[in-house]
Amino acid sequence: MCQTHNSEKRDRPPVEFYDSDELGRLAAITGVSLEELADPGPYRDAIERLEQRLDWFFDEFLQRPELQAEREGKLAADLLVKALEKALSRDPAGARFDIERLYRRRGFEE
C-alpha cells in the first residue's frame, strides 16, 4: 500500500476501508483469505507471529530509520505501536498481550 493510502486507512480493518473488489485483489496479493479480510477482528496468524517475535519487533524492526523518523510530532514507531494496540483490542477473544505496555517497559516513550 502506498503511503497516502496507508495514511488514509490508518488502523481500520480492511473491510472498513476497501470495497469488495479491492478486498478480492488484496486477498490475491497477500494470500490472506477473503473471509479473514472481511472479518473486522485482527488477523490471528499475524498476532501469533508478532507474539513469537516480540524481541525482534522491539529491538530490530522498530529501530529501522524510517520508524525512528518523526511524523505528526511523534516517532513513526510510536504511531505504529498505538495502531497495533487498537487492532489487538478488536480481538473478540480479548487481547493476548498489551503491546503499548510492553513498549513502555522496554524504555520507549509515547
Protein backbone atom coordinates (compact mmCIF):
# COMPACT_ATOMS: atom_id res chain seq x y z
CA MET A 1 0.00 0.00 0.00
CA CYS A 2 1.36 3.42 -0.84
CA GLN A 3 1.98 5.88 1.99
CA THR A 4 -1.03 8.03 1.06
CA HIS A 5 -3.49 5.13 1.17
CA ASN A 6 -1.85 3.67 4.25
CA SER A 7 -2.34 7.02 6.00
CA GLU A 8 -5.97 7.15 4.88
CA LYS A 9 -6.63 3.59 6.08
CA ARG A 10 -4.85 4.19 9.38
CA ASP A 11 -5.78 1.47 11.86
CA ARG A 12 -9.11 0.47 10.33
CA PRO A 13 -9.53 -3.19 9.35
CA PRO A 14 -9.52 -3.86 5.59
CA VAL A 15 -13.29 -4.46 5.47
CA GLU A 16 -13.87 -0.89 6.73
CA PHE A 17 -11.63 0.67 4.07
CA TYR A 18 -11.78 -1.37 0.86
CA ASP A 19 -14.75 -2.16 -1.36
CA SER A 20 -15.47 -5.80 -2.26
CA ASP A 21 -13.40 -5.71 -5.49
CA GLU A 22 -10.42 -4.23 -3.65
CA LEU A 23 -10.74 -6.84 -0.90
CA GLY A 24 -10.62 -9.55 -3.57
CA ARG A 25 -7.43 -8.08 -5.05
CA LEU A 26 -5.91 -7.72 -1.58
CA ALA A 27 -6.67 -11.38 -0.86
CA ALA A 28 -4.95 -12.40 -4.11
CA ILE A 29 -1.88 -10.26 -3.37
CA THR A 30 -1.43 -11.22 0.29
CA GLY A 31 -2.66 -14.81 0.34
CA VAL A 32 -4.99 -13.90 3.22
CA SER A 33 -8.45 -15.36 2.64
CA LEU A 34 -11.30 -13.09 1.67
CA GLU A 35 -13.18 -14.40 4.72
CA GLU A 36 -10.35 -13.29 7.01
CA LEU A 37 -10.12 -9.86 5.32
CA ALA A 38 -13.89 -9.40 5.72
CA ASP A 39 -13.61 -10.04 9.48
CA PRO A 40 -13.12 -6.73 11.34
CA GLY A 41 -11.13 -8.52 14.04
CA PRO A 42 -7.35 -8.76 13.84
CA TYR A 43 -5.62 -11.36 11.67
CA ARG A 44 -4.86 -14.06 14.23
CA ASP A 45 -1.93 -15.59 12.35
CA ALA A 46 -0.20 -12.19 12.34
CA ILE A 47 -0.86 -11.77 16.07
CA GLU A 48 0.69 -15.16 16.82
CA ARG A 49 3.73 -14.37 14.68
CA LEU A 50 4.16 -10.99 16.35
CA GLU A 51 3.85 -12.53 19.81
CA GLN A 52 6.54 -15.11 18.93
CA ARG A 53 8.89 -12.39 17.66
CA LEU A 54 8.40 -9.53 20.12
CA ASP A 55 12.14 -9.20 20.78
CA TRP A 56 12.79 -8.78 17.06
CA PHE A 57 9.85 -6.38 16.75
CA PHE A 58 11.08 -4.07 19.51
CA ASP A 59 14.84 -4.45 19.15
CA GLU A 60 15.17 -4.53 15.36
CA PHE A 61 12.01 -3.66 13.44
CA LEU A 62 11.04 -0.56 15.43
CA GLN A 63 14.64 0.66 15.26
CA ARG A 64 14.56 0.99 11.46
CA PRO A 65 15.41 4.57 10.42
CA GLU A 66 12.03 5.17 8.79
CA LEU A 67 10.29 4.19 12.05
CA GLN A 68 12.55 6.45 14.07
CA ALA A 69 11.57 9.41 11.89
CA GLU A 70 9.14 11.92 13.30
CA ARG A 71 5.63 12.07 11.84
CA GLU A 72 2.83 14.23 13.15
CA GLY A 73 5.09 15.30 16.02
CA LYS A 74 5.71 11.70 17.13
CA LEU A 75 8.02 8.89 16.19
CA ALA A 76 6.59 6.71 13.46
CA ALA A 77 7.32 3.72 15.77
CA ASP A 78 5.06 5.24 18.46
CA LEU A 79 2.24 5.67 15.94
CA LEU A 80 2.69 2.09 14.72
CA VAL A 81 2.54 0.67 18.25
CA LYS A 82 -0.60 2.70 19.02
CA ALA A 83 -2.27 1.41 15.82
CA LEU A 84 -1.28 -2.17 16.68
CA GLU A 85 -2.76 -1.85 20.16
CA LYS A 86 -6.03 -0.63 18.68
CA ALA A 87 -6.10 -3.56 16.25
CA LEU A 88 -5.24 -6.06 19.00
CA SER A 89 -8.06 -4.70 21.16
CA ARG A 90 -10.55 -5.66 18.41
CA ASP A 91 -9.94 -9.36 19.00
CA PRO A 92 -13.28 -10.80 20.20
CA ALA A 93 -11.37 -13.27 22.39
CA GLY A 94 -9.58 -10.36 24.09
CA ALA A 95 -6.12 -9.01 23.52
CA ARG A 96 -3.42 -11.65 24.04
CA PHE A 97 -0.93 -9.03 25.17
CA ASP A 98 -0.69 -5.26 25.69
CA ILE A 99 1.84 -4.08 23.13
CA GLU A 100 1.83 -0.47 24.36
CA ARG A 101 2.67 -1.58 27.91
CA LEU A 102 5.45 -3.82 26.62
CA TYR A 103 6.75 -0.94 24.50
CA ARG A 104 6.92 1.36 27.53
CA ARG A 105 8.53 -1.34 29.71
CA ARG A 106 11.36 -1.55 27.19
CA GLY A 107 12.04 2.14 27.75
CA PHE A 108 10.34 3.56 24.69
CA GLU A 109 8.41 6.76 25.12
CA GLU A 110 4.98 7.50 23.72
